[in-house]
Amino acid sequence: MVMKGQKPSGRILCVLLFGLAILQGCENSPKRFVEQAEQKFEAGDYLGAITYYEQVSENFPKNQMADDALYWTGIIHHLFLKDDDKALQAFQKLTRDYPASPFTTDSQSYIALILERLQKTPQAIEAYEHLIEISPDIRVIQESHFKIGELYLEGGDLDQARNEWDALLKKYPSGVLADKALFGIASTFYIQGRCKEALNFLDRLINNHPESELAIDARFRAASCLEEEGHLQEALNLFREVAESYPNRLVVEKKIKALAE
């Protein structure tokens, strides 16, 4: 104990300095930075939150909170600051440096989504392919397969789009996206003028997924294929069946009138 008027001994001074160092260390600990980041975020200070999260990810890369900090840095940039380039950097660093993180799969999903939004199609396809490899979620895997097909279709590669959807159907024949895959394959054949092949997949959709939201479109497309193939009476009958349900009734009525005449 130090009496009033006495100077602390060298040993006591060391203890006091050591205690002060510990307190300062606690104030600058990863946990404290994360707490401050969360407070900033709750207050709507997103840039302030990122500043504290970056303190963790950059200065304490081996800490168990580093991947957490990177993830929320990416989320804030993407959803709140609308800066996809910086969000992409954060998510890519997380998936690269922390492959075992519980945030890795979600981060990879954001990477693919952002690359798609930035119209970097080849990189987006690679990102979705990697997501298929690492995701334990069957629905995410199916959605990624389907999205890859859409990206190929948008790029004009109908054959590759069809291959992707065909692979999805073979792997998940009763999957949640089976109807969309069937319609997508039929659409590629229809665009290429291969109506007979398109009809095969449209019939599968109509018969196997009658409750699908695409069933009406499939029936209209099938009627159009029959018309182009010269099966006019069959086409007319099918157009009449969908007349009440098809969104653009005027188009159907014109088809019916032309075929009836």
C-alpha atoms as a PDB file:
ATOM      1  CA  MET A   1       0.000   0.000   0.000  1.00  0.00           C
ATOM      2  CA  VAL A   2       1.326   3.490  -0.865  1.00  0.00           C
ATOM      3  CA  MET A   3       0.906   5.990   1.984  1.00  0.00           C
ATOM      4  CA  LYS A   4       0.021   9.598   1.285  1.00  0.00           C
ATOM      5  CA  GLY A   5       3.134  11.538   0.458  1.00  0.00           C
ATOM      6  CA  GLN A   6       5.129   8.408  -0.414  1.00  0.00           C
ATOM      7  CA  LYS A   7       6.354   7.661  -3.900  1.00  0.00           C
ATOM      8  CA  PRO A   8       5.358   4.240  -5.252  1.00  0.00           C
ATOM      9  CA  SER A   9       8.136   1.699  -5.262  1.00  0.00           C
ATOM     10  CA  GLY A  10       9.538   0.435  -8.553  1.00  0.00           C
ATOM     11  CA  ARG A  11       7.628  -2.842  -8.203  1.00  0.00           C
ATOM     12  CA  ILE A  12       4.307  -1.114  -7.556  1.00  0.00           C
ATOM     13  CA  LEU A  13       4.917   1.264 -10.457  1.00  0.00           C
ATOM     14  CA  CYS A  14       5.475  -1.695 -12.786  1.00  0.00           C
ATOM     15  CA  VAL A  15       2.224  -3.266 -11.628  1.00  0.00           C
ATOM     16  CA  LEU A  16       0.341  -0.023 -12.205  1.00  0.00           C
ATOM     17  CA  LEU A  17       1.814   0.397 -15.687  1.00  0.00           C
ATOM     18  CA  PHE A  18       1.064  -3.219 -16.543  1.00  0.00           C
ATOM     19  CA  GLY A  19      -2.549  -2.775 -15.442  1.00  0.00           C
ATOM     20  CA  LEU A  20      -2.855   0.372 -17.537  1.00  0.00           C
ATOM     21  CA  ALA A  21      -1.486  -1.484 -20.551  1.00  0.00           C
ATOM     22  CA  ILE A  22      -4.059  -4.212 -20.063  1.00  0.00           C
ATOM     23  CA  LEU A  23      -6.873  -1.660 -19.912  1.00  0.00           C
ATOM     24  CA  GLN A  24      -5.637   0.048 -23.065  1.00  0.00           C
ATOM     25  CA  GLY A  25      -5.337  -3.337 -24.738  1.00  0.00           C
ATOM     26  CA  CYS A  26      -8.919  -4.169 -23.824  1.00  0.00           C
ATOM     27  CA  GLU A  27     -10.071  -0.887 -25.307  1.00  0.00           C
ATOM     28  CA  ASN A  28      -8.358  -1.801 -28.590  1.00  0.00           C
ATOM     29  CA  SER A  29      -9.321  -5.483 -28.591  1.00  0.00           C
ATOM     30  CA  PRO A  30     -11.126  -7.083 -31.562  1.00  0.00           C
ATOM     31  CA  LYS A  31     -14.181  -7.654 -29.374  1.00  0.00           C
ATOM     32  CA  ARG A  32     -14.281  -3.982 -28.430  1.00  0.00           C
ATOM     33  CA  PHE A  33     -13.893  -2.901 -32.061  1.00  0.00           C
ATOM     34  CA  VAL A  34     -16.787  -5.160 -33.071  1.00  0.00           C
ATOM     35  CA  GLU A  35     -18.948  -3.734 -30.282  1.00  0.00           C
ATOM     36  CA  GLN A  36     -18.151  -0.212 -31.461  1.00  0.00           C
ATOM     37  CA  ALA A  37     -18.912  -1.190 -35.045  1.00  0.00           C
ATOM     38  CA  GLU A  38     -22.282  -2.577 -34.000  1.00  0.00           C
ATOM     39  CA  GLN A  39     -23.071   0.615 -32.114  1.00  0.00           C
ATOM     40  CA  LYS A  40     -22.214   2.697 -35.181  1.00  0.00           C
ATOM     41  CA  PHE A  41     -24.325   0.460 -37.364  1.00  0.00           C
ATOM     42  CA  GLU A  42     -27.328   0.711 -35.039  1.00  0.00           C
ATOM     43  CA  ALA A  43     -26.958   4.497 -35.141  1.00  0.00           C
ATOM     44  CA  GLY A  44     -26.957   4.464 -38.952  1.00  0.00           C
ATOM     45  CA  ASP A  45     -23.294   5.468 -39.194  1.00  0.00           C
ATOM     46  CA  TYR A  46     -22.326   2.860 -41.774  1.00  0.00           C
ATOM     47  CA  LEU A  47     -18.946   4.350 -42.659  1.00  0.00           C
ATOM     48  CA  GLY A  48     -18.099   4.494 -38.963  1.00  0.00           C
ATOM     49  CA  ALA A  49     -19.090   0.845 -38.561  1.00  0.00           C
ATOM     50  CA  ILE A  50     -16.868  -0.164 -41.457  1.00  0.00           C
ATOM     51  CA  THR A  51     -13.936   1.722 -39.933  1.00  0.00           C
ATOM     52  CA  TYR A  52     -14.138  -0.414 -36.782  1.00  0.00           C
ATOM     53  CA  TYR A  53     -14.753  -3.656 -38.681  1.00  0.00           C
ATOM     54  CA  GLU A  54     -11.666  -2.972 -40.808  1.00  0.00           C
ATOM     55  CA  GLN A  55      -9.627  -2.466 -37.638  1.00  0.00           C
ATOM     56  CA  VAL A  56     -10.401  -6.092 -36.809  1.00  0.00           C
ATOM     57  CA  SER A  57      -9.937  -7.659 -40.255  1.00  0.00           C
ATOM     58  CA  GLU A  58      -6.740  -5.740 -41.035  1.00  0.00           C
ATOM     59  CA  ASN A  59      -5.012  -5.656 -37.647  1.00  0.00           C
ATOM     60  CA  PHE A  60      -6.196  -8.980 -36.204  1.00  0.00           C
ATOM     61  CA  PRO A  61      -6.440 -11.326 -39.225  1.00  0.00           C
ATOM     62  CA  LYS A  62      -5.981 -14.443 -37.063  1.00  0.00           C
ATOM     63  CA  ASN A  63      -8.657 -13.499 -34.559  1.00  0.00           C
ATOM     64  CA  GLN A  64     -11.876 -15.506 -34.596  1.00  0.00           C
ATOM     65  CA  MET A  65     -13.825 -12.310 -35.324  1.00  0.00           C
ATOM     66  CA  ALA A  66     -11.856 -11.396 -38.456  1.00  0.00           C
ATOM     67  CA  ASP A  67     -14.113 -13.278 -40.888  1.00  0.00           C
ATOM     68  CA  ASP A  68     -17.174 -11.862 -39.117  1.00  0.00           C
ATOM     69  CA  ALA A  69     -15.796  -8.338 -39.593  1.00  0.00           C
ATOM     70  CA  LEU A  70     -15.094  -8.949 -43.293  1.00  0.00           C
ATOM     71  CA  TYR A  71     -18.572 -10.312 -43.862  1.00  0.00           C
ATOM     72  CA  TRP A  72     -20.306  -7.307 -42.324  1.00  0.00           C
ATOM     73  CA  THR A  73     -17.975  -4.962 -44.172  1.00  0.00           C
ATOM     74  CA  GLY A  74     -19.169  -6.551 -47.409  1.00  0.00           C
ATOM     75  CA  ILE A  75     -22.823  -6.472 -46.355  1.00  0.00           C
ATOM     76  CA  ILE A  76     -22.710  -2.782 -45.443  1.00  0.00           C
ATOM     77  CA  HIS A  77     -20.953  -1.818 -48.675  1.00  0.00           C
ATOM     78  CA  HIS A  78     -23.390  -3.889 -50.743  1.00  0.00           C
ATOM     79  CA  LEU A  79     -26.735  -3.238 -49.085  1.00  0.00           C
ATOM     80  CA  PHE A  80     -26.357   0.148 -47.438  1.00  0.00           C
ATOM     81  CA  LEU A  81     -23.617   2.091 -49.236  1.00  0.00           C
ATOM     82  CA  LYS A  82     -24.307   0.567 -52.678  1.00  0.00           C
ATOM     83  CA  ASP A  83     -20.586   0.171 -53.370  1.00  0.00           C
ATOM     84  CA  ASP A  84     -20.393  -3.216 -55.068  1.00  0.00           C
ATOM     85  CA  ASP A  85     -16.682  -2.957 -55.885  1.00  0.00           C
ATOM     86  CA  LYS A  86     -15.693  -2.639 -52.218  1.00  0.00           C
ATOM     87  CA  ALA A  87     -18.272  -5.235 -51.202  1.00  0.00           C
ATOM     88  CA  LEU A  88     -16.775  -7.627 -53.734  1.00  0.00           C
ATOM     89  CA  GLN A  89     -13.291  -7.066 -52.333  1.00  0.00           C
ATOM     90  CA  ALA A  90     -14.460  -7.881 -48.794  1.00  0.00           C
ATOM     91  CA  PHE A  91     -16.380 -11.011 -49.792  1.00  0.00           C
ATOM     92  CA  GLN A  92     -13.556 -12.292 -51.993  1.00  0.00           C
ATOM     93  CA  LYS A  93     -11.003 -11.792 -49.224  1.00  0.00           C
ATOM     94  CA  LEU A  94     -13.241 -13.702 -46.826  1.00  0.00           C
ATOM     95  CA  THR A  95     -13.720 -16.693 -49.140  1.00  0.00           C
ATOM     96  CA  ARG A  96     -10.021 -16.716 -50.024  1.00  0.00           C
ATOM     97  CA  ASP A  97      -8.533 -16.342 -46.541  1.00  0.00           C
ATOM     98  CA  TYR A  98     -11.231 -18.067 -44.462  1.00  0.00           C
ATOM     99  CA  PRO A  99     -12.605 -20.986 -46.521  1.00  0.00           C
ATOM    100  CA  ALA A 100     -13.863 -22.744 -43.370  1.00  0.00           C
ATOM    101  CA  SER A 101     -15.801 -19.713 -42.136  1.00  0.00           C
ATOM    102  CA  PRO A 102     -19.558 -20.102 -41.601  1.00  0.00           C
ATOM    103  CA  PHE A 103     -19.894 -16.938 -43.720  1.00  0.00           C
ATOM    104  CA  THR A 104     -18.097 -18.398 -46.760  1.00  0.00           C
ATOM    105  CA  THR A 105     -21.130 -19.798 -48.587  1.00  0.00           C
ATOM    106  CA  ASP A 106     -23.188 -16.622 -48.159  1.00  0.00           C
ATOM    107  CA  SER A 107     -20.202 -14.539 -49.232  1.00  0.00           C
ATOM    108  CA  GLN A 108     -19.802 -16.654 -52.371  1.00  0.00           C
ATOM    109  CA  SER A 109     -23.475 -16.093 -53.160  1.00  0.00           C
ATOM    110  CA  TYR A 110     -22.952 -12.339 -52.915  1.00  0.00           C
ATOM    111  CA  ILE A 111     -19.845 -12.577 -55.090  1.00  0.00           C
ATOM    112  CA  ALA A 112     -21.800 -14.307 -57.850  1.00  0.00           C
ATOM    113  CA  LEU A 113     -24.712 -11.875 -57.533  1.00  0.00           C
ATOM    114  CA  ILE A 114     -22.480  -8.801 -57.642  1.00  0.00           C
ATOM    115  CA  LEU A 115     -20.479 -10.060 -60.619  1.00  0.00           C
ATOM    116  CA  GLU A 116     -23.744 -10.721 -62.433  1.00  0.00           C
ATOM    117  CA  ARG A 117     -24.968  -7.218 -61.595  1.00  0.00           C
ATOM    118  CA  LEU A 118     -21.681  -5.760 -62.850  1.00  0.00           C
ATOM    119  CA  GLN A 119     -22.276  -7.700 -66.118  1.00  0.00           C
ATOM    120  CA  LYS A 120     -19.075  -9.692 -65.714  1.00  0.00           C
ATOM    121  CA  THR A 121     -20.721 -12.806 -67.084  1.00  0.00           C
ATOM    122  CA  PRO A 122     -17.753 -15.219 -67.352  1.00  0.00           C
ATOM    123  CA  GLN A 123     -16.640 -14.394 -63.793  1.00  0.00           C
ATOM    124  CA  ALA A 124     -20.228 -14.674 -62.540  1.00  0.00           C
ATOM    125  CA  ILE A 125     -20.560 -18.131 -64.087  1.00  0.00           C
ATOM    126  CA  GLU A 126     -17.319 -19.216 -62.399  1.00  0.00           C
ATOM    127  CA  ALA A 127     -18.588 -17.836 -59.100  1.00  0.00           C
ATOM    128  CA  TYR A 128     -21.853 -19.783 -59.360  1.00  0.00           C
ATOM    129  CA  GLU A 129     -19.924 -22.928 -60.296  1.00  0.00           C
ATOM    130  CA  HIS A 130     -17.782 -22.522 -57.184  1.00  0.00           C
ATOM    131  CA  LEU A 131     -20.923 -21.952 -55.118  1.00  0.00           C
ATOM    132  CA  ILE A 132     -22.267 -25.289 -56.373  1.00  0.00           C
ATOM    133  CA  GLU A 133     -19.057 -26.952 -55.164  1.00  0.00           C
ATOM    134  CA  ILE A 134     -19.089 -25.529 -51.636  1.00  0.00           C
ATOM    135  CA  SER A 135     -22.752 -25.090 -50.716  1.00  0.00           C
ATOM    136  CA  PRO A 136     -24.427 -27.734 -48.525  1.00  0.00           C
ATOM    137  CA  ASP A 137     -27.858 -26.321 -49.428  1.00  0.00           C
ATOM    138  CA  ILE A 138     -29.588 -28.323 -52.181  1.00  0.00           C
ATOM    139  CA  ARG A 139     -31.816 -25.401 -53.131  1.00  0.00           C
ATOM    140  CA  VAL A 140     -28.821 -23.057 -53.508  1.00  0.00           C
ATOM    141  CA  ILE A 141     -27.145 -25.657 -55.734  1.00  0.00           C
ATOM    142  CA  GLN A 142     -30.224 -25.949 -57.949  1.00  0.00           C
ATOM    143  CA  GLU A 143     -30.678 -22.184 -58.153  1.00  0.00           C
ATOM    144  CA  SER A 144     -27.013 -21.769 -59.099  1.00  0.00           C
ATOM    145  CA  HIS A 145     -27.318 -24.348 -61.893  1.00  0.00           C
ATOM    146  CA  PHE A 146     -30.398 -22.556 -63.202  1.00  0.00           C
ATOM    147  CA  LYS A 147     -28.750 -19.137 -62.961  1.00  0.00           C
ATOM    148  CA  ILE A 148     -25.750 -20.355 -64.966  1.00  0.00           C
ATOM    149  CA  GLY A 149     -28.149 -21.460 -67.699  1.00  0.00           C
ATOM    150  CA  GLU A 150     -29.796 -18.027 -67.680  1.00  0.00           C
ATOM    151  CA  LEU A 151     -26.420 -16.314 -68.008  1.00  0.00           C
ATOM    152  CA  TYR A 152     -25.515 -18.466 -70.999  1.00  0.00           C
ATOM    153  CA  LEU A 153     -28.912 -17.737 -72.544  1.00  0.00           C
ATOM    154  CA  GLU A 154     -28.461 -13.991 -72.054  1.00  0.00           C
ATOM    155  CA  GLY A 155     -25.074 -14.287 -73.724  1.00  0.00           C
ATOM    156  CA  GLY A 156     -26.632 -16.016 -76.745  1.00  0.00           C
ATOM    157  CA  ASP A 157     -25.110 -19.444 -76.082  1.00  0.00           C
ATOM    158  CA  LEU A 158     -28.315 -21.472 -76.383  1.00  0.00           C
ATOM    159  CA  ASP A 159     -26.607 -24.860 -76.519  1.00  0.00           C
ATOM    160  CA  GLN A 160     -24.657 -24.286 -73.317  1.00  0.00           C
ATOM    161  CA  ALA A 161     -27.741 -22.917 -71.554  1.00  0.00           C
ATOM    162  CA  ARG A 162     -29.635 -26.050 -72.558  1.00  0.00           C
ATOM    163  CA  ASN A 163     -26.771 -28.268 -71.370  1.00  0.00           C
ATOM    164  CA  GLU A 164     -26.823 -26.593 -67.965  1.00  0.00           C
ATOM    165  CA  TRP A 165     -30.576 -27.023 -67.522  1.00  0.00           C
ATOM    166  CA  ASP A 166     -30.418 -30.592 -68.818  1.00  0.00           C
ATOM    167  CA  ALA A 167     -27.762 -31.392 -66.208  1.00  0.00           C
ATOM    168  CA  LEU A 168     -29.996 -29.841 -63.548  1.00  0.00           C
ATOM    169  CA  LEU A 169     -32.932 -32.029 -64.595  1.00  0.00           C
ATOM    170  CA  LYS A 170     -30.859 -35.197 -64.621  1.00  0.00           C
ATOM    171  CA  LYS A 171     -29.456 -34.502 -61.164  1.00  0.00           C
ATOM    172  CA  TYR A 172     -32.708 -33.194 -59.634  1.00  0.00           C
ATOM    173  CA  PRO A 173     -35.592 -34.527 -61.790  1.00  0.00           C
ATOM    174  CA  SER A 174     -38.151 -33.591 -59.139  1.00  0.00           C
ATOM    175  CA  GLY A 175     -36.386 -30.474 -57.940  1.00  0.00           C
ATOM    176  CA  VAL A 176     -38.022 -27.151 -57.172  1.00  0.00           C
ATOM    177  CA  LEU A 177     -36.801 -25.707 -60.467  1.00  0.00           C
ATOM    178  CA  ALA A 178     -37.614 -28.668 -62.716  1.00  0.00           C
ATOM    179  CA  ASP A 179     -40.514 -26.827 -64.403  1.00  0.00           C
ATOM    180  CA  LYS A 180     -38.352 -23.788 -65.122  1.00  0.00           C
ATOM    181  CA  ALA A 181     -35.560 -25.951 -66.485  1.00  0.00           C
ATOM    182  CA  LEU A 182     -38.006 -27.740 -68.799  1.00  0.00           C
ATOM    183  CA  PHE A 183     -39.391 -24.435 -70.044  1.00  0.00           C
ATOM    184  CA  GLY A 184     -35.880 -23.050 -70.512  1.00  0.00           C
ATOM    185  CA  ILE A 185     -34.793 -26.033 -72.599  1.00  0.00           C
ATOM    186  CA  ALA A 186     -37.969 -25.824 -74.680  1.00  0.00           C
ATOM    187  CA  SER A 187     -37.350 -22.110 -75.231  1.00  0.00           C
ATOM    188  CA  THR A 188     -33.844 -22.701 -76.586  1.00  0.00           C
ATOM    189  CA  PHE A 189     -35.191 -25.242 -79.070  1.00  0.00           C
ATOM    190  CA  TYR A 190     -38.041 -22.907 -80.030  1.00  0.00           C
ATOM    191  CA  ILE A 191     -35.652 -20.011 -80.662  1.00  0.00           C
ATOM    192  CA  GLN A 192     -33.565 -22.290 -82.875  1.00  0.00           C
ATOM    193  CA  GLY A 193     -36.652 -23.289 -84.853  1.00  0.00           C
ATOM    194  CA  ARG A 194     -36.569 -26.864 -83.536  1.00  0.00           C
ATOM    195  CA  CYS A 195     -40.247 -27.070 -82.638  1.00  0.00           C
ATOM    196  CA  LYS A 196     -40.519 -30.842 -82.521  1.00  0.00           C
ATOM    197  CA  GLU A 197     -37.847 -31.024 -79.822  1.00  0.00           C
ATOM    198  CA  ALA A 198     -39.347 -28.055 -78.019  1.00  0.00           C
ATOM    199  CA  LEU A 199     -42.720 -29.830 -77.895  1.00  0.00           C
ATOM    200  CA  ASN A 200     -41.206 -32.806 -76.089  1.00  0.00           C
ATOM    201  CA  PHE A 201     -40.103 -30.641 -73.172  1.00  0.00           C
ATOM    202  CA  LEU A 202     -43.256 -28.524 -73.175  1.00  0.00           C
ATOM    203  CA  ASP A 203     -45.354 -31.687 -72.944  1.00  0.00           C
ATOM    204  CA  ARG A 204     -43.258 -32.874 -70.007  1.00  0.00           C
ATOM    205  CA  LEU A 205     -43.827 -29.570 -68.226  1.00  0.00           C
ATOM    206  CA  ILE A 206     -47.572 -29.580 -68.903  1.00  0.00           C
ATOM    207  CA  ASN A 207     -48.065 -33.201 -67.845  1.00  0.00           C
ATOM    208  CA  ASN A 208     -45.647 -33.378 -64.913  1.00  0.00           C
ATOM    209  CA  HIS A 209     -46.148 -29.885 -63.481  1.00  0.00           C
ATOM    210  CA  PRO A 210     -49.779 -28.887 -64.156  1.00  0.00           C
ATOM    211  CA  GLU A 211     -49.786 -26.520 -61.173  1.00  0.00           C
ATOM    212  CA  SER A 212     -46.683 -24.652 -62.321  1.00  0.00           C
ATOM    213  CA  GLU A 213     -47.008 -20.933 -62.975  1.00  0.00           C
ATOM    214  CA  LEU A 214     -45.352 -21.700 -66.331  1.00  0.00           C
ATOM    215  CA  ALA A 215     -47.997 -24.239 -67.389  1.00  0.00           C
ATOM    216  CA  ILE A 216     -50.113 -21.656 -69.258  1.00  0.00           C
ATOM    217  CA  ASP A 217     -47.064 -20.228 -71.036  1.00  0.00           C
ATOM    218  CA  ALA A 218     -46.008 -23.773 -71.914  1.00  0.00           C
ATOM    219  CA  ARG A 219     -49.403 -24.510 -73.452  1.00  0.00           C
ATOM    220  CA  PHE A 220     -49.319 -21.281 -75.469  1.00  0.00           C
ATOM    221  CA  ARG A 221     -45.776 -22.078 -76.657  1.00  0.00           C
ATOM    222  CA  ALA A 222     -46.836 -25.619 -77.513  1.00  0.00           C
ATOM    223  CA  ALA A 223     -49.769 -24.293 -79.561  1.00  0.00           C
ATOM    224  CA  SER A 224     -47.364 -21.985 -81.406  1.00  0.00           C
ATOM    225  CA  CYS A 225     -45.087 -24.929 -82.133  1.00  0.00           C
ATOM    226  CA  LEU A 226     -47.978 -26.997 -83.453  1.00  0.00           C
ATOM    227  CA  GLU A 227     -48.967 -24.078 -85.682  1.00  0.00           C
ATOM    228  CA  GLU A 228     -45.470 -23.798 -87.087  1.00  0.00           C
ATOM    229  CA  GLU A 229     -45.314 -27.554 -87.632  1.00  0.00           C
ATOM    230  CA  GLY A 230     -48.526 -27.370 -89.672  1.00  0.00           C
ATOM    231  CA  HIS A 231     -50.787 -29.110 -87.148  1.00  0.00           C
ATOM    232  CA  LEU A 232     -53.370 -26.356 -87.402  1.00  0.00           C
ATOM    233  CA  GLN A 233     -56.395 -28.040 -85.846  1.00  0.00           C
ATOM    234  CA  GLU A 234     -54.370 -29.171 -82.822  1.00  0.00           C
ATOM    235  CA  ALA A 235     -52.924 -25.681 -82.501  1.00  0.00           C
ATOM    236  CA  LEU A 236     -56.387 -24.114 -82.704  1.00  0.00           C
ATOM    237  CA  ASN A 237     -57.749 -26.422 -80.018  1.00  0.00           C
ATOM    238  CA  LEU A 238     -54.864 -25.625 -77.671  1.00  0.00           C
ATOM    239  CA  PHE A 239     -55.145 -21.880 -78.236  1.00  0.00           C
ATOM    240  CA  ARG A 240     -58.830 -22.099 -77.349  1.00  0.00           C
ATOM    241  CA  GLU A 241     -57.953 -23.965 -74.141  1.00  0.00           C
ATOM    242  CA  VAL A 242     -55.612 -21.217 -72.957  1.00  0.00           C
ATOM    243  CA  ALA A 243     -57.682 -18.250 -74.158  1.00  0.00           C
ATOM    244  CA  GLU A 244     -59.248 -17.591 -70.757  1.00  0.00           C
ATOM    245  CA  SER A 245     -56.045 -17.959 -68.759  1.00  0.00           C
ATOM    246  CA  TYR A 246     -53.285 -16.498 -70.930  1.00  0.00           C
ATOM    247  CA  PRO A 247     -52.253 -12.995 -69.724  1.00  0.00           C
ATOM    248  CA  ASN A 248     -52.322 -11.452 -73.207  1.00  0.00           C
ATOM    249  CA  ARG A 249     -55.742 -12.546 -74.333  1.00  0.00           C
ATOM    250  CA  LEU A 250     -55.672 -10.320 -77.423  1.00  0.00           C
ATOM    251  CA  VAL A 251     -52.737 -12.256 -78.866  1.00  0.00           C
ATOM    252  CA  VAL A 252     -54.541 -15.564 -78.325  1.00  0.00           C
ATOM    253  CA  GLU A 253     -57.742 -14.274 -79.947  1.00  0.00           C
ATOM    254  CA  LYS A 254     -55.797 -13.159 -83.016  1.00  0.00           C
ATOM    255  CA  LYS A 255     -54.224 -16.612 -83.244  1.00  0.00           C
ATOM    256  CA  ILE A 256     -57.618 -18.298 -82.932  1.00  0.00           C
ATOM    257  CA  LYS A 257     -59.180 -16.044 -85.531  1.00  0.00           C
ATOM    258  CA  ALA A 258     -56.380 -16.584 -88.017  1.00  0.00           C
ATOM    259  CA  LEU A 259     -56.409 -20.356 -87.600  1.00  0.00           C
ATOM    260  CA  ALA A 260     -60.206 -20.587 -87.726  1.00  0.00           C
ATOM    261  CA  GLU A 261     -60.264 -18.707 -91.022  1.00  0.00           C
END
